[in-house]
């Protein structure tokens, strides 16, 4: 079986007082609180969400 590529992202800024679409992207990535790290599958959809809210996130590892 081939291994699925994953990306680790960390929320470094609060999504409070941001656009509703940006809050939805943060929640869609599974991030709940500041310094929370999640591992998401490397898909074009997830990359798009990461690019949209890049100013709130930090990519920890690939």
PDB file of N, CA and C in Angstrom:
ATOM      1  N   UNK A   1       0.819  -1.190   0.000  1.00  0.00           N
ATOM      2  CA  UNK A   1       0.000   0.000   0.000  1.00  0.00           C
ATOM      3  C   UNK A   1       0.860   1.250   0.000  1.00  0.00           C
ATOM      4  N   UNK A   2       0.415   2.255  -0.692  1.00  0.00           N
ATOM      5  CA  UNK A   2       1.151   3.508  -0.700  1.00  0.00           C
ATOM      6  C   UNK A   2       0.739   4.347   0.513  1.00  0.00           C
ATOM      7  N   UNK A   3       1.698   5.055   1.039  1.00  0.00           N
ATOM      8  CA  UNK A   3       1.437   5.889   2.197  1.00  0.00           C
ATOM      9  C   UNK A   3       0.860   7.231   1.745  1.00  0.00           C
ATOM     10  N   UNK A   4      -0.109   7.729   2.493  1.00  0.00           N
ATOM     11  CA  UNK A   4      -0.761   8.989   2.166  1.00  0.00           C
ATOM     12  C   UNK A   4       0.078  10.135   2.723  1.00  0.00           C
ATOM     13  N   UNK A   5       0.332  11.147   1.885  1.00  0.00           N
ATOM     14  CA  UNK A   5       1.096  12.317   2.322  1.00  0.00           C
ATOM     15  C   UNK A   5       0.257  13.154   3.274  1.00  0.00           C
ATOM     16  N   UNK A   6       0.894  13.632   4.340  1.00  0.00           N
ATOM     17  CA  UNK A   6       0.198  14.438   5.342  1.00  0.00           C
ATOM     18  C   UNK A   6       0.983  15.701   5.629  1.00  0.00           C
ATOM     19  N   UNK A   7       0.266  16.710   6.119  1.00  0.00           N
ATOM     20  CA  UNK A   7       0.855  17.996   6.488  1.00  0.00           C
ATOM     21  C   UNK A   7       0.450  18.288   7.933  1.00  0.00           C
ATOM     22  N   UNK A   8       1.399  18.723   8.757  1.00  0.00           N
ATOM     23  CA  UNK A   8       1.085  19.145  10.117  1.00  0.00           C
ATOM     24  C   UNK A   8       0.954  20.659  10.122  1.00  0.00           C
ATOM     25  N   UNK A   9      -0.165  21.147  10.648  1.00  0.00           N
ATOM     26  CA  UNK A   9      -0.382  22.589  10.753  1.00  0.00           C
ATOM     27  C   UNK A   9      -0.713  22.945  12.196  1.00  0.00           C
ATOM     28  N   UNK A  10      -0.286  24.144  12.600  1.00  0.00           N
ATOM     29  CA  UNK A  10      -0.528  24.623  13.957  1.00  0.00           C
ATOM     30  C   UNK A  10      -1.193  25.989  13.884  1.00  0.00           C
ATOM     31  N   UNK A  11      -2.191  26.195  14.707  1.00  0.00           N
ATOM     32  CA  UNK A  11      -2.873  27.482  14.801  1.00  0.00           C
ATOM     33  C   UNK A  11      -2.045  28.385  15.709  1.00  0.00           C
ATOM     34  N   UNK A  12      -1.560  29.514  15.191  1.00  0.00           N
ATOM     35  CA  UNK A  12      -0.714  30.411  15.979  1.00  0.00           C
ATOM     36  C   UNK A  12      -1.400  31.733  16.316  1.00  0.00           C
ATOM     37  N   UNK A  13      -2.485  32.060  15.621  1.00  0.00           N
ATOM     38  CA  UNK A  13      -3.251  33.264  15.921  1.00  0.00           C
ATOM     39  C   UNK A  13      -4.722  32.896  16.049  1.00  0.00           C
ATOM     40  N   UNK A  14      -5.434  33.687  16.802  1.00  0.00           N
ATOM     41  CA  UNK A  14      -6.844  33.424  17.040  1.00  0.00           C
ATOM     42  C   UNK A  14      -7.690  33.779  15.819  1.00  0.00           C
ATOM     43  N   UNK A  15      -8.674  32.935  15.495  1.00  0.00           N
ATOM     44  CA  UNK A  15      -9.584  33.268  14.401  1.00  0.00           C
ATOM     45  C   UNK A  15     -10.726  34.198  14.832  1.00  0.00           C
ATOM     46  N   UNK A  16     -10.721  34.639  16.078  1.00  0.00           N
ATOM     47  CA  UNK A  16     -11.756  35.563  16.559  1.00  0.00           C
ATOM     48  C   UNK A  16     -11.659  36.876  15.783  1.00  0.00           C
ATOM     49  N   UNK A  17     -12.792  37.458  15.477  1.00  0.00           N
ATOM     50  CA  UNK A  17     -12.894  38.731  14.756  1.00  0.00           C
ATOM     51  C   UNK A  17     -12.355  38.638  13.335  1.00  0.00           C
ATOM     52  N   UNK A  18     -12.420  37.461  12.739  1.00  0.00           N
ATOM     53  CA  UNK A  18     -12.001  37.258  11.346  1.00  0.00           C
ATOM     54  C   UNK A  18     -13.250  37.021  10.503  1.00  0.00           C
ATOM     55  N   UNK A  19     -13.062  36.936   9.207  1.00  0.00           N
ATOM     56  CA  UNK A  19     -14.176  36.642   8.317  1.00  0.00           C
ATOM     57  C   UNK A  19     -14.748  35.269   8.624  1.00  0.00           C
ATOM     58  N   UNK A  20     -16.046  35.130   8.436  1.00  0.00           N
ATOM     59  CA  UNK A  20     -16.717  33.863   8.719  1.00  0.00           C
ATOM     60  C   UNK A  20     -16.134  32.722   7.880  1.00  0.00           C
ATOM     61  N   UNK A  21     -15.774  33.008   6.638  1.00  0.00           N
ATOM     62  CA  UNK A  21     -15.192  31.976   5.771  1.00  0.00           C
ATOM     63  C   UNK A  21     -13.828  31.523   6.298  1.00  0.00           C
ATOM     64  N   UNK A  22     -13.074  32.432   6.895  1.00  0.00           N
ATOM     65  CA  UNK A  22     -11.772  32.074   7.436  1.00  0.00           C
ATOM     66  C   UNK A  22     -11.926  31.241   8.701  1.00  0.00           C
ATOM     67  N   UNK A  23     -12.910  31.585   9.523  1.00  0.00           N
ATOM     68  CA  UNK A  23     -13.195  30.774  10.703  1.00  0.00           C
ATOM     69  C   UNK A  23     -13.596  29.363  10.296  1.00  0.00           C
ATOM     70  N   UNK A  24     -14.386  29.271   9.228  1.00  0.00           N
ATOM     71  CA  UNK A  24     -14.831  27.963   8.740  1.00  0.00           C
ATOM     72  C   UNK A  24     -13.660  27.135   8.230  1.00  0.00           C
ATOM     73  N   UNK A  25     -12.691  27.764   7.603  1.00  0.00           N
ATOM     74  CA  UNK A  25     -11.508  27.042   7.132  1.00  0.00           C
ATOM     75  C   UNK A  25     -10.698  26.495   8.299  1.00  0.00           C
ATOM     76  N   UNK A  26     -10.543  27.295   9.341  1.00  0.00           N
ATOM     77  CA  UNK A  26      -9.798  26.846  10.517  1.00  0.00           C
ATOM     78  C   UNK A  26     -10.500  25.647  11.150  1.00  0.00           C
ATOM     79  N   UNK A  27     -11.821  25.727  11.288  1.00  0.00           N
ATOM     80  CA  UNK A  27     -12.575  24.612  11.862  1.00  0.00           C
ATOM     81  C   UNK A  27     -12.549  23.405  10.924  1.00  0.00           C
ATOM     82  N   UNK A  28     -12.579  23.653   9.624  1.00  0.00           N
ATOM     83  CA  UNK A  28     -12.536  22.572   8.649  1.00  0.00           C
ATOM     84  C   UNK A  28     -11.222  21.805   8.674  1.00  0.00           C
ATOM     85  N   UNK A  29     -10.160  22.483   9.051  1.00  0.00           N
ATOM     86  CA  UNK A  29      -8.866  21.823   9.192  1.00  0.00           C
ATOM     87  C   UNK A  29      -8.769  21.059  10.507  1.00  0.00           C
ATOM     88  N   UNK A  30      -9.730  21.271  11.403  1.00  0.00           N
ATOM     89  CA  UNK A  30      -9.741  20.550  12.671  1.00  0.00           C
ATOM     90  C   UNK A  30      -9.015  21.270  13.792  1.00  0.00           C
ATOM     91  N   UNK A  31      -8.686  22.530  13.591  1.00  0.00           N
ATOM     92  CA  UNK A  31      -7.971  23.297  14.612  1.00  0.00           C
ATOM     93  C   UNK A  31      -8.966  23.924  15.577  1.00  0.00           C
ATOM     94  N   UNK A  32      -8.700  23.798  16.868  1.00  0.00           N
ATOM     95  CA  UNK A  32      -9.642  24.259  17.879  1.00  0.00           C
ATOM     96  C   UNK A  32      -9.123  25.406  18.725  1.00  0.00           C
ATOM     97  N   UNK A  33      -7.843  25.422  19.037  1.00  0.00           N
ATOM     98  CA  UNK A  33      -7.303  26.439  19.933  1.00  0.00           C
ATOM     99  C   UNK A  33      -5.880  26.804  19.499  1.00  0.00           C
ATOM    100  N   UNK A  34      -5.363  27.881  20.039  1.00  0.00           N
ATOM    101  CA  UNK A  34      -4.016  28.326  19.703  1.00  0.00           C
ATOM    102  C   UNK A  34      -3.009  27.267  20.149  1.00  0.00           C
ATOM    103  N   UNK A  35      -2.009  27.037  19.333  1.00  0.00           N
ATOM    104  CA  UNK A  35      -0.953  26.032  19.515  1.00  0.00           C
ATOM    105  C   UNK A  35      -1.456  24.601  19.338  1.00  0.00           C
ATOM    106  N   UNK A  36      -2.657  24.424  18.831  1.00  0.00           N
ATOM    107  CA  UNK A  36      -3.187  23.091  18.532  1.00  0.00           C
ATOM    108  C   UNK A  36      -2.588  22.636  17.204  1.00  0.00           C
ATOM    109  N   UNK A  37      -2.043  21.435  17.181  1.00  0.00           N
ATOM    110  CA  UNK A  37      -1.421  20.881  15.976  1.00  0.00           C
ATOM    111  C   UNK A  37      -2.283  19.729  15.483  1.00  0.00           C
ATOM    112  N   UNK A  38      -2.575  19.740  14.182  1.00  0.00           N
ATOM    113  CA  UNK A  38      -3.300  18.635  13.560  1.00  0.00           C
ATOM    114  C   UNK A  38      -2.534  18.178  12.328  1.00  0.00           C
ATOM    115  N   UNK A  39      -2.775  16.944  11.963  1.00  0.00           N
ATOM    116  CA  UNK A  39      -2.167  16.368  10.768  1.00  0.00           C
ATOM    117  C   UNK A  39      -3.282  16.146   9.758  1.00  0.00           C
ATOM    118  N   UNK A  40      -3.204  16.823   8.623  1.00  0.00           N
ATOM    119  CA  UNK A  40      -4.231  16.705   7.589  1.00  0.00           C
ATOM    120  C   UNK A  40      -3.639  16.050   6.352  1.00  0.00           C
ATOM    121  N   UNK A  41      -4.494  15.396   5.602  1.00  0.00           N
ATOM    122  CA  UNK A  41      -4.069  14.751   4.361  1.00  0.00           C
ATOM    123  C   UNK A  41      -3.752  15.833   3.334  1.00  0.00           C
ATOM    124  N   UNK A  42      -2.690  15.644   2.588  1.00  0.00           N
ATOM    125  CA  UNK A  42      -2.243  16.616   1.592  1.00  0.00           C
ATOM    126  C   UNK A  42      -3.091  16.484   0.335  1.00  0.00           C
ATOM    127  N   UNK A  43      -4.222  17.212   0.312  1.00  0.00           N
ATOM    128  CA  UNK A  43      -5.106  17.241  -0.848  1.00  0.00           C
ATOM    129  C   UNK A  43      -5.219  18.682  -1.336  1.00  0.00           C
ATOM    130  N   UNK A  44      -5.654  18.897  -2.565  1.00  0.00           N
ATOM    131  CA  UNK A  44      -5.829  20.273  -3.052  1.00  0.00           C
ATOM    132  C   UNK A  44      -6.827  21.071  -2.211  1.00  0.00           C
ATOM    133  N   UNK A  45      -7.844  20.400  -1.677  1.00  0.00           N
ATOM    134  CA  UNK A  45      -8.847  21.084  -0.849  1.00  0.00           C
ATOM    135  C   UNK A  45      -8.215  21.603   0.441  1.00  0.00           C
ATOM    136  N   UNK A  46      -7.446  20.748   1.105  1.00  0.00           N
ATOM    137  CA  UNK A  46      -6.791  21.160   2.347  1.00  0.00           C
ATOM    138  C   UNK A  46      -5.722  22.208   2.086  1.00  0.00           C
ATOM    139  N   UNK A  47      -5.002  22.084   0.978  1.00  0.00           N
ATOM    140  CA  UNK A  47      -3.996  23.100   0.619  1.00  0.00           C
ATOM    141  C   UNK A  47      -4.659  24.456   0.402  1.00  0.00           C
ATOM    142  N   UNK A  48      -5.831  24.450  -0.223  1.00  0.00           N
ATOM    143  CA  UNK A  48      -6.566  25.691  -0.449  1.00  0.00           C
ATOM    144  C   UNK A  48      -6.990  26.350   0.851  1.00  0.00           C
ATOM    145  N   UNK A  49      -7.455  25.532   1.812  1.00  0.00           N
ATOM    146  CA  UNK A  49      -7.843  26.087   3.110  1.00  0.00           C
ATOM    147  C   UNK A  49      -6.627  26.640   3.849  1.00  0.00           C
ATOM    148  N   UNK A  50      -5.502  25.932   3.755  1.00  0.00           N
ATOM    149  CA  UNK A  50      -4.275  26.401   4.403  1.00  0.00           C
ATOM    150  C   UNK A  50      -3.817  27.713   3.770  1.00  0.00           C
ATOM    151  N   UNK A  51      -3.876  27.808   2.453  1.00  0.00           N
ATOM    152  CA  UNK A  51      -3.473  29.045   1.773  1.00  0.00           C
ATOM    153  C   UNK A  51      -4.388  30.208   2.127  1.00  0.00           C
ATOM    154  N   UNK A  52      -5.669  29.928   2.310  1.00  0.00           N
ATOM    155  CA  UNK A  52      -6.631  30.988   2.598  1.00  0.00           C
ATOM    156  C   UNK A  52      -6.384  31.622   3.968  1.00  0.00           C
ATOM    157  N   UNK A  53      -5.993  30.828   4.942  1.00  0.00           N
ATOM    158  CA  UNK A  53      -5.790  31.344   6.296  1.00  0.00           C
ATOM    159  C   UNK A  53      -4.330  31.214   6.723  1.00  0.00           C
ATOM    160  N   UNK A  54      -3.424  31.356   5.775  1.00  0.00           N
ATOM    161  CA  UNK A  54      -1.993  31.183   6.047  1.00  0.00           C
ATOM    162  C   UNK A  54      -1.485  32.124   7.128  1.00  0.00           C
ATOM    163  N   UNK A  55      -2.114  33.285   7.289  1.00  0.00           N
ATOM    164  CA  UNK A  55      -1.670  34.260   8.272  1.00  0.00           C
ATOM    165  C   UNK A  55      -2.038  33.852   9.702  1.00  0.00           C
ATOM    166  N   UNK A  56      -2.861  32.827   9.854  1.00  0.00           N
ATOM    167  CA  UNK A  56      -3.232  32.330  11.185  1.00  0.00           C
ATOM    168  C   UNK A  56      -2.482  31.040  11.530  1.00  0.00           C
ATOM    169  N   UNK A  57      -1.853  30.428  10.552  1.00  0.00           N
ATOM    170  CA  UNK A  57      -1.273  29.090  10.721  1.00  0.00           C
ATOM    171  C   UNK A  57       0.236  29.101  10.601  1.00  0.00           C
ATOM    172  N   UNK A  58       0.794  27.972  11.018  1.00  0.00           N
ATOM    173  CA  UNK A  58       2.207  27.686  10.804  1.00  0.00           C
ATOM    174  C   UNK A  58       2.268  26.218  10.382  1.00  0.00           C
ATOM    175  N   UNK A  59       2.929  25.949   9.264  1.00  0.00           N
ATOM    176  CA  UNK A  59       3.099  24.565   8.817  1.00  0.00           C
ATOM    177  C   UNK A  59       4.282  24.011   9.578  1.00  0.00           C
ATOM    178  N   UNK A  60       4.000  23.004  10.423  1.00  0.00           N
ATOM    179  CA  UNK A  60       5.015  22.457  11.319  1.00  0.00           C
ATOM    180  C   UNK A  60       5.879  21.433  10.606  1.00  0.00           C
ATOM    181  N   UNK A  61       5.259  20.555   9.828  1.00  0.00           N
ATOM    182  CA  UNK A  61       6.008  19.519   9.138  1.00  0.00           C
ATOM    183  C   UNK A  61       5.239  19.033   7.932  1.00  0.00           C
ATOM    184  N   UNK A  62       5.932  18.411   7.016  1.00  0.00           N
ATOM    185  CA  UNK A  62       5.264  17.921   5.813  1.00  0.00           C
ATOM    186  C   UNK A  62       5.108  16.430   5.864  1.00  0.00           C
TER     187      UNK A  62
END
